[in-house]
Protein backbone atom coordinates (compact mmCIF):
# COMPACT_ATOMS: atom_id res chain seq x y z
CA UNK A 1 -33.88 -43.90 8.30
CA UNK A 2 -33.17 -41.17 10.83
CA UNK A 3 -30.05 -39.13 11.45
CA UNK A 4 -29.03 -41.28 14.37
CA UNK A 5 -29.55 -44.52 12.47
CA UNK A 6 -26.94 -43.21 10.05
CA UNK A 7 -24.72 -42.27 12.98
CA UNK A 8 -24.79 -45.87 14.20
CA UNK A 9 -23.41 -46.91 10.81
CA UNK A 10 -20.55 -44.46 11.18
CA UNK A 11 -19.70 -45.92 14.59
CA UNK A 12 -19.60 -49.49 13.30
CA UNK A 13 -16.76 -51.90 13.93
CA UNK A 14 -13.91 -53.11 11.79
CA UNK A 15 -10.30 -54.11 12.11
CA UNK A 16 -7.83 -51.88 13.94
CA UNK A 17 -5.80 -51.38 10.76
CA UNK A 18 -7.12 -48.29 9.02
CA UNK A 19 -9.79 -48.00 11.71
CA UNK A 20 -12.01 -45.01 11.34
CA UNK A 21 -12.32 -42.92 14.48
CA UNK A 22 -15.93 -41.87 15.04
CA UNK A 23 -16.41 -38.18 14.32
CA UNK A 24 -19.58 -37.78 16.37
CA UNK A 25 -20.69 -38.47 19.90
CA UNK A 26 -24.30 -38.54 20.95
CA UNK A 27 -25.41 -35.49 22.92
CA UNK A 28 -27.15 -35.62 26.26
CA UNK A 29 -30.68 -35.40 24.85
CA UNK A 30 -30.29 -38.21 22.34
CA UNK A 31 -31.58 -35.82 19.69
CA UNK A 32 -28.21 -34.13 19.12
CA UNK A 33 -24.87 -35.33 17.82
CA UNK A 34 -21.68 -33.47 18.61
CA UNK A 35 -18.61 -33.29 16.38
CA UNK A 36 -16.03 -34.56 18.85
CA UNK A 37 -13.16 -32.42 17.51
CA UNK A 38 -14.83 -29.01 17.09
CA UNK A 39 -17.69 -29.28 19.59
CA UNK A 40 -20.18 -28.21 16.90
CA UNK A 41 -23.63 -29.55 17.81
CA UNK A 42 -26.04 -30.93 15.20
CA UNK A 43 -29.65 -31.49 16.32
CA UNK A 44 -31.64 -34.15 14.50
CA UNK A 45 -34.25 -31.51 13.69
CA UNK A 46 -33.76 -27.75 14.03
CA UNK A 47 -36.26 -24.98 13.40
CA UNK A 48 -38.29 -26.15 10.41
CA UNK A 49 -35.50 -28.39 9.10
CA UNK A 50 -35.21 -32.16 9.23
CA UNK A 51 -31.73 -33.68 9.52
CA UNK A 52 -30.84 -36.08 6.72
CA UNK A 53 -27.69 -37.60 8.12
CA UNK A 54 -24.06 -37.11 9.01
CA UNK A 55 -21.15 -37.87 6.69
CA UNK A 56 -17.56 -38.43 7.80
CA UNK A 57 -14.97 -37.75 5.07
CA UNK A 58 -11.71 -38.77 6.77
CA UNK A 59 -10.46 -41.54 9.07
CA UNK A 60 -9.75 -39.21 12.00
CA UNK A 61 -13.23 -37.69 11.94
CA UNK A 62 -12.02 -34.12 11.47
CA UNK A 63 -13.91 -33.47 8.20
CA UNK A 64 -17.69 -33.94 8.45
CA UNK A 65 -21.05 -32.70 7.24
CA UNK A 66 -24.71 -32.93 8.19
CA UNK A 67 -27.56 -32.20 5.79
CA UNK A 68 -30.88 -30.52 6.52
CA UNK A 69 -34.00 -30.29 4.35
CA UNK A 70 -36.62 -27.65 5.04
CA UNK A 71 -39.94 -29.28 5.99
CA UNK A 72 -42.17 -26.60 4.40
CA UNK A 73 -40.07 -25.03 1.65
CA UNK A 74 -39.69 -28.14 -0.50
CA UNK A 75 -36.48 -27.96 -2.48
CA UNK A 76 -34.53 -25.97 0.14
CA UNK A 77 -31.57 -28.05 1.26
CA UNK A 78 -28.66 -26.97 3.45
CA UNK A 79 -25.49 -28.91 4.15
CA UNK A 80 -23.28 -27.87 7.06
CA UNK A 81 -19.61 -28.81 6.73
CA UNK A 82 -17.04 -28.69 9.55
CA UNK A 83 -13.38 -29.28 8.71
CA UNK A 84 -9.94 -28.12 9.89
CA UNK A 85 -8.65 -24.63 9.16
CA UNK A 86 -4.90 -24.67 8.49
CA UNK A 87 -4.73 -21.30 10.24
CA UNK A 88 -2.14 -19.89 7.90
CA UNK A 89 -2.22 -16.32 6.63
CA UNK A 90 -5.03 -15.90 4.13
CA UNK A 91 -6.47 -19.34 4.87
CA UNK A 92 -10.07 -18.04 4.90
CA UNK A 93 -9.64 -16.11 1.65
CA UNK A 94 -7.98 -19.09 -0.05
CA UNK A 95 -10.59 -21.56 1.19
CA UNK A 96 -13.40 -19.20 0.13
CA UNK A 97 -12.01 -19.00 -3.41
CA UNK A 98 -11.74 -22.81 -3.49
CA UNK A 99 -15.35 -23.18 -2.34
CA UNK A 100 -16.54 -20.75 -5.02
CA UNK A 101 -14.62 -22.76 -7.62
CA UNK A 102 -16.39 -25.95 -6.44
CA UNK A 103 -19.78 -24.33 -7.05
CA UNK A 104 -18.68 -23.05 -10.46
CA UNK A 105 -17.33 -26.47 -11.39
CA UNK A 106 -20.62 -28.19 -10.52
CA UNK A 107 -22.80 -26.01 -12.75
CA UNK A 108 -21.92 -24.83 -16.27
CA UNK A 109 -24.18 -21.78 -16.17
CA UNK A 110 -23.24 -20.48 -12.70
CA UNK A 111 -23.06 -16.73 -12.06
CA UNK A 112 -21.93 -14.99 -8.88
CA UNK A 113 -24.72 -12.57 -7.96
CA UNK A 114 -23.23 -11.10 -4.78
CA UNK A 115 -20.45 -11.46 -2.24
CA UNK A 116 -20.10 -10.22 1.36
CA UNK A 117 -17.48 -10.10 4.08
CA UNK A 118 -18.99 -11.22 7.40
CA UNK A 119 -17.92 -10.77 11.01
CA UNK A 120 -19.29 -12.29 14.18
CA UNK A 121 -21.07 -15.61 14.61
CA UNK A 122 -24.57 -16.52 15.72
CA UNK A 123 -23.38 -17.30 19.24
CA UNK A 124 -21.78 -13.87 19.59
CA UNK A 125 -18.11 -14.88 19.34
CA UNK A 126 -15.81 -12.93 17.04
CA UNK A 127 -15.10 -14.78 13.83
CA UNK A 128 -14.49 -13.97 10.18
CA UNK A 129 -16.61 -15.13 7.31
CA UNK A 130 -17.51 -14.78 3.65
CA UNK A 131 -20.77 -15.23 1.79
CA UNK A 132 -21.59 -15.63 -1.91
CA UNK A 133 -24.89 -15.99 -3.75
CA UNK A 134 -24.92 -17.87 -7.06
CA UNK A 135 -27.51 -18.48 -9.76
CA UNK A 136 -27.50 -21.40 -12.19
CA UNK A 137 -29.74 -23.40 -14.48
CA UNK A 138 -30.39 -27.07 -13.83
CA UNK A 139 -32.36 -29.63 -15.76
CA UNK A 140 -34.81 -31.73 -13.79
CA UNK A 141 -36.93 -34.24 -15.66
CA UNK A 142 -36.32 -32.44 -18.95
CA UNK A 143 -37.37 -29.08 -17.50
CA UNK A 144 -34.93 -26.18 -17.08
CA UNK A 145 -35.00 -24.94 -13.51
CA UNK A 146 -33.50 -21.64 -12.34
CA UNK A 147 -31.85 -22.15 -8.97
CA UNK A 148 -29.92 -20.20 -6.37
CA UNK A 149 -27.12 -21.39 -4.14
CA UNK A 150 -25.72 -19.71 -1.04
CA UNK A 151 -22.21 -20.29 0.27
CA UNK A 152 -21.42 -19.18 3.82
CA UNK A 153 -17.88 -19.84 5.09
CA UNK A 154 -16.56 -19.02 8.56
CA UNK A 155 -13.20 -19.62 10.22
CA UNK A 156 -14.07 -20.50 13.81
CA UNK A 157 -11.82 -21.87 16.58
CA UNK A 158 -9.49 -23.81 14.28
CA UNK A 159 -12.21 -25.10 11.94
CA UNK A 160 -13.99 -23.93 8.83
CA UNK A 161 -17.77 -23.95 9.19
CA UNK A 162 -19.34 -23.99 5.72
CA UNK A 163 -23.02 -23.77 4.87
CA UNK A 164 -24.18 -24.64 1.33
CA UNK A 165 -27.83 -23.95 0.62
CA UNK A 166 -29.61 -24.55 -2.67
CA UNK A 167 -33.19 -23.82 -3.68
CA UNK A 168 -35.33 -23.00 -6.72
CA UNK A 169 -35.31 -19.33 -7.73
CA UNK A 170 -39.06 -19.23 -7.02
CA UNK A 171 -38.25 -19.55 -3.28
CA UNK A 172 -36.20 -16.35 -3.28
CA UNK A 173 -38.74 -14.42 -1.17
CA UNK A 174 -38.55 -16.93 1.74
CA UNK A 175 -35.50 -19.20 1.46
CA UNK A 176 -32.74 -16.72 2.40
CA UNK A 177 -34.42 -15.92 5.72
CA UNK A 178 -34.88 -19.64 6.40
CA UNK A 179 -31.15 -20.25 5.76
CA UNK A 180 -30.19 -17.45 8.15
CA UNK A 181 -32.58 -18.92 10.72
CA UNK A 182 -30.82 -22.29 10.55
CA UNK A 183 -27.36 -20.73 10.86
CA UNK A 184 -28.47 -18.75 13.91
CA UNK A 185 -30.21 -21.67 15.57
CA UNK A 186 -27.35 -24.16 15.40
CA UNK A 187 -25.20 -24.28 18.53
CA UNK A 188 -21.69 -23.09 17.70
CA UNK A 189 -18.90 -24.09 20.12
């Protein structure tokens, strides 16, 4: 099932009571969906990544995500989240701490390896951001697996843009560059 097959499911009917407003509109090429509130564009496939589907988390369609799996680096997965920024003082710092807590809560053995303050965005507009790199141990099929997770969070034009990437530690020489490549290649509003 492709990304746009999943999109059709999100646009399905229902009663007017509690009706979910569609979060995405189909872009001009048919290979892109656009988050109708932020203007963030999600191609079905981008760079060496394959889109794995959009998710809408709220009825108004303000809070969404789209996943991407790397076609060559098996085990590298990135999810891009777009959701409203309250815009209050310290909202980025507070949201960043909350996102770090989510990662820590999902893995008992998580360690923060590094953190960075970021400025600018791939499309050249001025925006603020934060980045953290985590390590953790996971069990897969009875085997302990050392993994890394990257958290990138930007406040951009009234929305948070969050990237969560995870990959086996063995991909460390190539995965970080592939994550940066995806962030740069996506079309920011």
